[in-house]
Protein backbone atom coordinates (compact mmCIF):
# COMPACT_ATOMS: atom_id res chain seq x y z
CA MET A 1 67.38 95.61 69.21
CA GLU A 2 70.87 94.79 67.98
CA ASN A 3 72.61 98.05 68.91
CA ILE A 4 71.68 98.24 72.60
CA GLN A 5 75.29 97.40 73.54
CA LYS A 6 76.39 100.67 71.93
CA LEU A 7 73.84 102.67 73.90
CA TYR A 8 74.99 101.86 77.42
CA ALA A 9 76.15 104.90 79.36
CA ASN A 10 79.87 105.28 79.87
CA ARG A 11 79.31 105.53 83.61
CA ILE A 12 78.48 101.82 83.75
CA GLY A 13 81.01 100.72 81.16
CA GLY A 14 79.63 101.88 77.82
CA GLU A 15 80.02 99.32 75.05
CA ASN A 16 81.99 97.07 77.39
CA PHE A 17 79.15 96.75 79.88
CA GLY A 18 78.54 93.09 80.69
CA VAL A 19 81.36 91.78 78.52
CA GLY A 20 84.38 92.56 80.69
CA THR A 21 86.32 89.92 82.57
CA SER A 22 86.60 91.74 85.89
CA ILE A 23 84.32 90.44 88.63
CA PHE A 24 83.34 92.42 91.73
CA LYS A 25 84.88 90.88 94.84
CA PHE A 26 81.53 90.09 96.46
CA GLU A 27 80.45 88.22 93.34
CA LYS A 28 83.67 86.22 93.46
CA ILE A 29 82.89 85.26 97.04
CA LYS A 30 79.34 84.24 96.14
CA ARG A 31 80.55 82.08 93.28
CA ALA A 32 83.20 80.42 95.44
CA LYS A 33 80.64 79.69 98.16
CA ARG A 34 78.26 78.09 95.68
CA GLU A 35 81.04 75.95 94.25
CA VAL A 36 82.38 74.65 97.58
CA VAL A 37 78.88 73.85 98.85
CA MET A 38 78.26 71.78 95.73
CA GLU A 39 81.64 70.06 96.01
CA HIS A 40 81.36 69.34 99.74
CA PRO A 41 77.67 69.07 100.65
CA GLU A 42 78.61 67.11 103.76
CA MET A 43 80.51 70.06 105.24
CA GLU A 44 79.03 73.21 106.81
CA LEU A 45 79.90 76.56 105.26
CA ILE A 46 80.70 79.05 108.01
CA ASP A 47 79.81 82.49 106.71
CA LEU A 48 81.59 85.33 108.52
CA GLY A 49 81.20 87.65 105.56
CA VAL A 50 77.52 88.50 105.78
CA GLY A 51 77.05 92.06 107.02
CA GLU A 52 73.47 91.75 108.18
CA PRO A 53 71.74 90.57 111.36
CA ASP A 54 71.12 86.85 111.74
CA GLU A 55 67.78 87.19 113.55
CA MET A 56 64.24 88.18 112.67
CA ALA A 57 62.85 91.53 113.74
CA ASP A 58 61.09 91.54 117.11
CA GLU A 59 57.59 90.07 117.11
CA GLY A 60 56.19 93.45 118.15
CA ILE A 61 57.62 95.04 115.01
CA ILE A 62 56.22 92.25 112.84
CA ARG A 63 52.83 92.43 114.54
CA THR A 64 52.66 96.18 113.98
CA LEU A 65 53.42 95.72 110.28
CA SER A 66 50.66 93.14 109.98
CA GLU A 67 48.11 95.33 111.73
CA GLN A 68 49.04 98.49 109.83
CA ALA A 69 49.07 96.71 106.46
CA GLY A 70 45.33 96.07 106.90
CA ILE A 71 44.42 99.74 107.42
CA PHE A 72 42.83 101.38 104.39
CA ASP A 73 44.57 104.75 104.81
CA ASN A 74 48.00 103.13 104.66
CA ARG A 75 47.57 101.77 101.15
CA GLY A 76 48.64 104.94 99.31
CA TYR A 77 51.93 106.63 98.53
CA ALA A 78 53.93 107.80 101.53
CA ASP A 79 55.93 110.31 99.46
CA ASN A 80 58.51 111.87 101.77
CA GLY A 81 57.24 110.13 104.87
CA ILE A 82 54.70 110.27 107.65
CA LEU A 83 55.08 112.83 110.40
CA ASP A 84 54.57 110.27 113.17
CA PHE A 85 57.72 108.45 112.07
CA GLN A 86 59.70 111.69 112.02
CA ARG A 87 58.44 112.52 115.51
CA ALA A 88 59.42 109.07 116.76
CA ALA A 89 62.88 109.55 115.25
CA SER A 90 63.28 112.88 117.02
CA ILE A 91 62.39 111.32 120.39
CA TYR A 92 64.67 108.37 119.68
CA MET A 93 67.62 110.65 118.94
CA GLU A 94 67.09 112.43 122.24
CA GLU A 95 66.63 109.29 124.33
CA VAL A 96 69.43 107.20 122.82
CA TYR A 97 71.94 109.80 121.63
CA HIS A 98 71.06 112.83 123.78
CA VAL A 99 70.51 114.95 120.67
CA LYS A 100 67.78 117.38 121.65
CA GLY A 101 65.50 119.57 119.62
CA LEU A 102 65.51 117.98 116.17
CA VAL A 103 62.49 119.47 114.39
CA PRO A 104 60.56 116.55 112.82
CA GLU A 105 59.10 118.59 109.96
CA LYS A 106 62.38 120.18 108.83
CA GLU A 107 65.32 118.27 110.24
CA ILE A 108 64.28 114.62 109.82
CA LEU A 109 63.48 112.68 106.64
CA HIS A 110 62.62 109.01 106.30
CA VAL A 111 64.69 107.10 103.73
CA MET A 112 64.49 103.64 102.24
CA GLY A 113 67.70 102.55 103.91
CA SER A 114 71.10 104.26 104.22
CA LYS A 115 72.16 103.16 100.74
CA SER A 116 69.26 105.01 99.17
CA ALA A 117 70.11 108.26 100.94
CA LEU A 118 73.82 108.00 100.17
CA SER A 119 73.11 107.48 96.48
CA MET A 120 70.88 110.56 96.34
CA LEU A 121 72.97 113.09 98.25
CA PRO A 122 75.58 113.66 95.50
CA GLN A 123 72.74 114.45 93.10
CA ALA A 124 71.82 117.38 95.32
CA PHE A 125 75.33 118.83 95.56
CA ILE A 126 77.87 117.46 93.09
CA ASN A 127 78.57 119.19 89.77
CA PRO A 128 81.31 118.12 87.34
CA GLN A 129 84.77 118.65 88.89
CA ASP A 130 83.37 118.87 92.43
CA VAL A 131 84.98 116.58 95.00
CA SER A 132 83.59 114.14 97.54
CA LEU A 133 85.93 113.10 100.35
CA LEU A 134 85.55 109.40 101.22
CA THR A 135 87.17 107.27 103.88
CA VAL A 136 88.83 104.12 102.47
CA PRO A 137 88.30 101.27 103.08
CA GLY A 138 84.60 101.92 103.31
CA TYR A 139 81.15 101.86 101.80
CA PRO A 140 81.57 103.12 98.21
CA ILE A 141 78.09 104.17 97.06
CA LEU A 142 78.42 107.94 97.58
CA GLY A 143 81.71 107.87 95.68
CA THR A 144 80.24 105.80 92.85
CA ILE A 145 77.45 108.31 92.27
CA THR A 146 79.89 111.22 92.57
CA GLY A 147 81.85 109.72 89.68
CA TRP A 148 78.72 109.15 87.62
CA LEU A 149 77.92 112.86 87.95
CA GLY A 150 81.32 113.90 86.67
CA GLY A 151 82.69 114.65 90.10
CA GLU A 152 85.90 113.42 91.66
CA VAL A 153 86.51 111.20 94.68
CA HIS A 154 89.42 111.93 97.00
CA LYS A 155 90.20 108.97 99.25
CA LEU A 156 91.05 109.40 102.92
CA ALA A 157 93.11 106.44 104.09
CA LEU A 158 92.06 104.65 107.27
CA THR A 159 95.13 103.08 108.84
CA LYS A 160 95.58 100.99 111.95
CA GLU A 161 98.31 103.38 113.09
CA ASN A 162 95.78 106.25 113.23
CA GLY A 163 93.04 104.22 114.89
CA PHE A 164 91.24 103.91 111.52
CA LEU A 165 90.36 107.61 111.63
CA PRO A 166 91.16 109.82 108.62
CA ASP A 167 93.91 112.42 108.88
CA LEU A 168 92.17 115.50 107.52
CA SER A 169 95.41 117.51 107.57
CA LEU A 170 96.74 115.44 104.66
CA ILE A 171 94.12 116.67 102.17
CA PRO A 172 95.79 118.89 99.51
CA ASP A 173 94.67 122.51 99.17
CA ASN A 174 93.63 122.06 95.54
CA ILE A 175 91.26 119.29 96.65
CA LEU A 176 89.85 121.30 99.56
CA LYS A 177 88.97 124.16 97.21
CA ARG A 178 86.69 121.84 95.21
CA ALA A 179 85.41 119.60 97.98
CA LYS A 180 81.71 119.71 98.81
CA LEU A 181 80.99 116.49 100.71
CA LEU A 182 82.83 114.62 103.44
CA TYR A 183 81.59 111.07 104.02
CA ILE A 184 82.45 109.41 107.32
CA ASN A 185 81.07 106.21 108.83
CA TYR A 186 81.39 105.48 112.55
CA PRO A 187 81.24 102.93 114.01
CA ASN A 188 83.06 101.91 110.87
CA ASN A 189 82.47 99.31 108.21
CA PRO A 190 84.71 97.37 107.68
CA THR A 191 87.19 98.14 110.49
CA GLY A 192 84.79 98.08 113.44
CA SER A 193 86.52 101.17 114.86
CA SER A 194 84.64 103.91 116.71
CA ALA A 195 84.91 107.67 116.50
CA THR A 196 85.64 109.86 119.50
CA GLU A 197 84.05 113.14 120.53
CA GLU A 198 87.43 114.74 119.89
CA PHE A 199 87.45 113.47 116.29
CA PHE A 200 83.90 114.66 115.68
CA ARG A 201 84.83 118.11 117.04
CA GLU A 202 87.74 118.17 114.61
CA VAL A 203 85.35 117.29 111.76
CA VAL A 204 82.98 120.13 112.71
CA SER A 205 85.83 122.63 112.78
CA PHE A 206 87.19 121.31 109.47
CA ALA A 207 83.80 121.51 107.76
CA LYS A 208 83.23 125.08 108.91
CA ARG A 209 86.69 126.17 107.82
CA TYR A 210 86.37 124.80 104.30
CA GLN A 211 82.57 125.03 103.82
CA ILE A 212 82.13 121.30 103.35
CA ILE A 213 78.98 119.28 104.12
CA VAL A 214 79.47 116.32 106.45
CA ILE A 215 77.58 113.07 105.84
CA GLN A 216 77.94 110.79 108.87
CA ASP A 217 76.70 107.26 108.15
CA ALA A 218 75.54 105.99 111.55
CA ALA A 219 74.21 102.61 110.46
CA TYR A 220 76.04 100.84 113.32
CA ALA A 221 75.93 103.64 115.89
CA ALA A 222 73.44 101.94 118.23
CA LEU A 223 75.45 98.69 118.40
CA THR A 224 77.77 99.55 121.30
CA PHE A 225 79.08 97.27 124.03
CA GLY A 226 79.67 97.36 127.76
CA ASN A 227 79.57 100.84 129.24
CA VAL A 228 80.09 102.55 125.87
CA ARG A 229 77.08 104.70 125.08
CA PRO A 230 76.01 105.37 121.48
CA LEU A 231 77.61 108.53 120.13
CA SER A 232 75.97 110.79 117.56
CA PHE A 233 77.85 113.29 115.43
CA LEU A 234 74.94 115.66 116.03
CA SER A 235 75.64 115.67 119.76
CA ILE A 236 78.74 117.78 119.06
CA PRO A 237 78.19 121.57 119.26
CA GLY A 238 77.98 123.04 115.76
CA ALA A 239 77.50 119.69 114.00
CA LYS A 240 73.99 120.51 112.84
CA GLU A 241 75.35 123.63 111.14
CA VAL A 242 77.59 121.60 108.85
CA GLY A 243 75.91 118.30 108.12
CA ILE A 244 73.57 115.40 108.67
CA GLU A 245 73.60 111.91 110.12
CA ILE A 246 71.94 108.87 108.55
CA HIS A 247 70.46 106.19 110.80
CA SER A 248 69.34 102.75 109.74
CA LEU A 249 66.83 100.42 111.35
CA SER A 250 68.46 97.51 109.50
CA LYS A 251 71.26 96.85 111.94
CA ALA A 252 69.80 98.25 115.17
CA PHE A 253 66.46 96.44 114.91
CA ASN A 254 67.15 93.44 112.63
CA MET A 255 65.11 95.09 109.84
CA THR A 256 67.59 94.69 106.98
CA GLY A 257 65.18 93.88 104.16
CA TRP A 258 62.53 96.32 105.39
CA ARG A 259 64.52 99.24 103.91
CA LEU A 260 63.83 101.94 106.46
CA GLY A 261 65.97 104.60 108.06
CA PHE A 262 66.14 108.35 108.49
CA ALA A 263 68.41 111.28 107.81
CA CYS A 264 68.57 114.05 110.38
CA GLY A 265 70.41 117.28 110.98
CA ASN A 266 70.93 120.42 108.91
CA SER A 267 67.57 121.56 107.54
CA ASP A 268 69.01 122.84 104.25
CA VAL A 269 70.72 119.52 103.52
CA ILE A 270 67.57 117.64 104.51
CA ALA A 271 65.51 119.83 102.17
CA ALA A 272 67.88 119.15 99.28
CA LEU A 273 67.81 115.41 99.96
CA ALA A 274 64.00 115.51 100.11
CA ALA A 275 63.82 117.25 96.73
CA VAL A 276 65.97 114.60 95.07
CA LYS A 277 64.21 111.80 96.89
CA ASP A 278 60.82 113.06 95.73
CA ASN A 279 61.98 112.39 92.17
CA HIS A 280 63.34 108.92 92.97
CA ASP A 281 60.68 107.14 94.96
CA SER A 282 57.21 107.54 96.41
CA GLY A 283 58.21 106.70 99.95
CA GLN A 284 58.39 103.53 101.99
CA PHE A 285 55.11 101.66 102.63
CA LYS A 286 53.34 103.43 105.51
CA ALA A 287 52.82 100.18 107.38
CA ILE A 288 56.59 99.66 107.46
CA GLN A 289 57.03 103.18 108.79
CA HIS A 290 54.54 102.41 111.57
CA ALA A 291 56.51 99.26 112.36
CA GLY A 292 59.57 101.51 112.46
CA ILE A 293 57.84 103.74 114.99
CA TYR A 294 57.34 100.70 117.22
CA ALA A 295 61.05 99.88 116.88
CA LEU A 296 62.18 103.42 117.70
CA GLU A 297 59.94 103.42 120.75
CA HIS A 298 61.66 100.25 122.01
CA PRO A 299 65.44 100.89 121.97
CA GLU A 300 65.83 98.06 124.48
CA LEU A 301 65.46 95.71 121.49
CA THR A 302 68.85 96.89 120.25
CA LYS A 303 70.43 96.30 123.64
CA ARG A 304 69.47 92.62 123.42
CA SER A 305 71.34 92.33 120.14
CA CYS A 306 74.32 94.18 121.60
CA VAL A 307 74.66 91.61 124.38
CA LYS A 308 74.83 88.83 121.80
CA TYR A 309 77.28 90.62 119.51
CA GLU A 310 79.60 91.55 122.39
CA ARG A 311 79.66 87.94 123.58
CA ARG A 312 80.45 86.66 120.11
CA HIS A 313 83.14 89.29 119.58
CA ARG A 314 84.97 88.17 122.71
CA LYS A 315 84.84 84.53 121.67
CA LEU A 316 85.89 85.14 118.07
CA ALA A 317 88.74 87.49 119.02
CA LYS A 318 90.05 84.92 121.47
CA VAL A 319 90.28 82.10 118.94
CA LEU A 320 91.71 84.38 116.23
CA GLU A 321 94.46 85.44 118.63
CA ARG A 322 95.23 81.78 119.38
CA ILE A 323 95.59 81.18 115.65
CA GLY A 324 97.97 84.13 115.31
CA PHE A 325 95.86 87.05 114.08
CA LEU A 326 96.35 90.44 115.72
CA VAL A 327 92.79 91.43 116.62
CA GLU A 328 90.83 93.00 119.41
CA ALA A 329 87.13 92.91 120.10
CA PRO A 330 85.62 96.25 118.95
CA LYS A 331 83.59 98.63 121.10
CA ALA A 332 80.77 98.75 118.55
CA SER A 333 79.41 97.22 115.30
CA PHE A 334 79.44 93.54 114.42
CA TYR A 335 82.76 93.57 112.53
CA GLN A 336 86.29 92.51 113.36
CA TYR A 337 89.16 93.54 111.09
CA ALA A 338 92.40 91.59 110.83
CA ARG A 339 95.57 91.69 108.77
CA ILE A 340 96.02 88.53 106.66
CA PRO A 341 98.77 85.95 107.21
CA LYS A 342 101.87 86.06 105.03
CA ARG A 343 101.76 82.38 104.13
CA THR A 344 101.20 78.87 105.41
CA VAL A 345 103.92 76.65 106.86
CA ASP A 346 103.54 74.52 103.72
CA GLY A 347 104.61 77.47 101.57
CA VAL A 348 101.32 78.85 100.20
CA GLU A 349 101.91 82.62 100.00
CA PHE A 350 99.19 85.27 100.22
CA HIS A 351 99.90 88.39 98.19
CA ASP A 352 96.60 90.11 98.96
CA ALA A 353 93.42 89.66 100.96
CA GLU A 354 91.37 88.55 97.99
CA GLN A 355 93.74 85.63 97.38
CA PHE A 356 93.66 84.69 101.08
CA THR A 357 89.86 84.88 101.15
CA GLN A 358 89.53 82.53 98.20
CA TYR A 359 91.97 80.11 99.84
CA LEU A 360 90.00 80.18 103.09
CA ILE A 361 86.69 79.49 101.35
CA ARG A 362 88.00 76.65 99.23
CA GLN A 363 90.25 74.98 101.80
CA ALA A 364 88.26 75.52 105.02
CA MET A 365 84.77 76.54 103.85
CA ILE A 366 85.00 79.75 105.90
CA SER A 367 83.83 82.90 104.16
CA VAL A 368 85.20 86.36 105.04
CA VAL A 369 85.43 89.63 103.09
CA PRO A 370 88.75 90.90 101.67
CA TRP A 371 89.83 94.55 101.88
CA ASP A 372 92.97 95.50 99.96
CA ASP A 373 92.49 99.28 99.88
CA GLU A 374 94.92 100.21 102.66
CA GLY A 375 96.99 97.15 103.49
CA HIS A 376 95.68 93.60 103.24
CA PHE A 377 92.90 92.88 105.73
CA ILE A 378 89.83 90.71 106.13
CA ARG A 379 86.50 91.65 107.66
CA LEU A 380 84.77 89.09 109.85
CA SER A 381 81.20 89.51 111.03
CA VAL A 382 79.73 88.00 114.19
CA THR A 383 76.32 87.72 112.55
CA PHE A 384 76.86 84.08 111.64
CA VAL A 385 73.80 81.89 112.09
CA ALA A 386 73.69 79.91 115.34
CA GLY A 387 70.69 78.46 117.12
CA ASP A 388 71.71 79.21 120.73
CA GLU A 389 74.83 79.81 122.83
CA ILE A 390 75.77 76.14 122.71
CA ASP A 391 75.58 76.17 118.93
CA GLU A 392 77.42 79.49 118.93
CA ASP A 393 80.31 77.87 120.81
CA ARG A 394 80.27 74.98 118.36
CA VAL A 395 80.67 77.39 115.41
CA ILE A 396 83.48 79.30 117.14
CA ASN A 397 85.31 76.06 117.93
CA GLU A 398 84.88 74.89 114.37
CA ILE A 399 86.43 78.14 113.12
CA TYR A 400 89.43 77.53 115.36
CA ASN A 401 89.85 73.89 114.38
CA ARG A 402 89.70 74.57 110.66
CA MET A 403 92.04 77.57 110.74
CA ILE A 404 94.63 76.20 113.15
CA SER A 405 95.09 73.17 110.93
CA MET A 406 96.11 75.46 108.07
CA ARG A 407 99.21 76.58 110.04
CA PHE A 408 99.45 80.25 109.05
CA VAL A 409 102.61 82.32 109.32
CA PHE A 410 102.08 85.99 110.21
């Protein structure tokens, strides 16, 4: 049909959909990576931009999937989940996060990954002119859907000076009167920063004062290092009265493509999410949910990954500091966040992180992710592929050798 171009919804660009010249930054990175690999097939691309685990799920998880996939009763629609998964999630929250008493039937809902839940929540609460509060830089999906629904996004800046925590006192009164949702994400993507109990208590008090629902994205919450124990927003008194927390099995259990997680917390918010979800999908394959039960019953699997990520963080931070970056190994997540150099000794200037990222890919075949929302930073992930610790050291040394030769000025 010739007139389809005129029928596209304005929310995705209307008549200009697909014909604009702007390219999303991740697509630019993908294109640059493809080009440099073709131009220099003899050289290894070191990918520090991939925000997903570099290992397979545990063999016990895979075995459970295989066994459960062969059971006749698991072939049908799961709808809004199986109760056994919700029960396992409740026990997991108590054992790992010390959050007691979550009612599986009312306060826990399986979701097909965090992204799915975050895209549905605005549909349950946002009307035209309503406001969602979003931390920036950050994961944009809840804000994108808010805009599609005619709502407004108010950005909460995450700055190094404030420990990459939002300053809620800076939100204008006219925004607070229309705000319905507050999205936070700790441990944070992309900064790698962690929240404190004090900050979470402030969020609870803020949400009660202004009648705002809190959405805490806890995708990286289980990935903590050393003596730092995983912290749940729901462990704070009063948190369950004002919001929910979304957990993902992708990062904690190397189950990225499996698309399984759960939302937990306030029963009214969970009920609203379930109603929207029921009109979006028919639930994740029951066999995958059973595999998820196995994962939740074995939190020690996450600890193994944490040991690896902590080790890599220390090594990467050390070489980045030697090059001149101001970084520190985070207490959680698999991300490091660093301000970009000003220029090279040879006079190549970097006006923003996207420009620096493209330079790094094309000159050194090292891929990182640019963030220009609040200052000019890059995100580096320690989920790069390496066969063992010896190979891991080789990759780290290669990062140092390639970057130090570029002679950055900070």
